[in-house]
């Protein structure tokens, strides 16, 4: 589970989380 910053991009965070799984 990579540490993603909310300020970076919430949408991107979700995409990466899903792709990781």
C-alpha atoms as a PDB file:
ATOM      1  CA  UNK A   1       0.000   0.000   0.000  1.00  0.00           C
ATOM      2  CA  UNK A   2       1.874   3.072  -1.243  1.00  0.00           C
ATOM      3  CA  UNK A   3       1.642   6.269   0.809  1.00  0.00           C
ATOM      4  CA  UNK A   4      -0.238   8.763  -1.367  1.00  0.00           C
ATOM      5  CA  UNK A   5      -0.869  12.364  -0.290  1.00  0.00           C
ATOM      6  CA  UNK A   6      -4.435  13.623  -0.448  1.00  0.00           C
ATOM      7  CA  UNK A   7      -3.143  16.985  -1.668  1.00  0.00           C
ATOM      8  CA  UNK A   8      -1.495  15.209  -4.606  1.00  0.00           C
ATOM      9  CA  UNK A   9      -4.694  13.929  -6.244  1.00  0.00           C
ATOM     10  CA  UNK A  10      -7.587  12.127  -4.646  1.00  0.00           C
ATOM     11  CA  UNK A  11      -8.702  10.667  -7.981  1.00  0.00           C
ATOM     12  CA  UNK A  12      -5.223   9.347  -8.757  1.00  0.00           C
ATOM     13  CA  UNK A  13      -4.969   7.821  -5.285  1.00  0.00           C
ATOM     14  CA  UNK A  14      -8.144   5.841  -5.890  1.00  0.00           C
ATOM     15  CA  UNK A  15      -6.949   4.682  -9.305  1.00  0.00           C
ATOM     16  CA  UNK A  16      -3.618   3.448  -7.957  1.00  0.00           C
ATOM     17  CA  UNK A  17      -5.276   1.723  -4.991  1.00  0.00           C
ATOM     18  CA  UNK A  18      -7.602  -0.178  -7.325  1.00  0.00           C
ATOM     19  CA  UNK A  19      -4.851  -1.032  -9.793  1.00  0.00           C
ATOM     20  CA  UNK A  20      -2.645  -2.322  -6.965  1.00  0.00           C
ATOM     21  CA  UNK A  21      -5.326  -4.795  -5.929  1.00  0.00           C
END
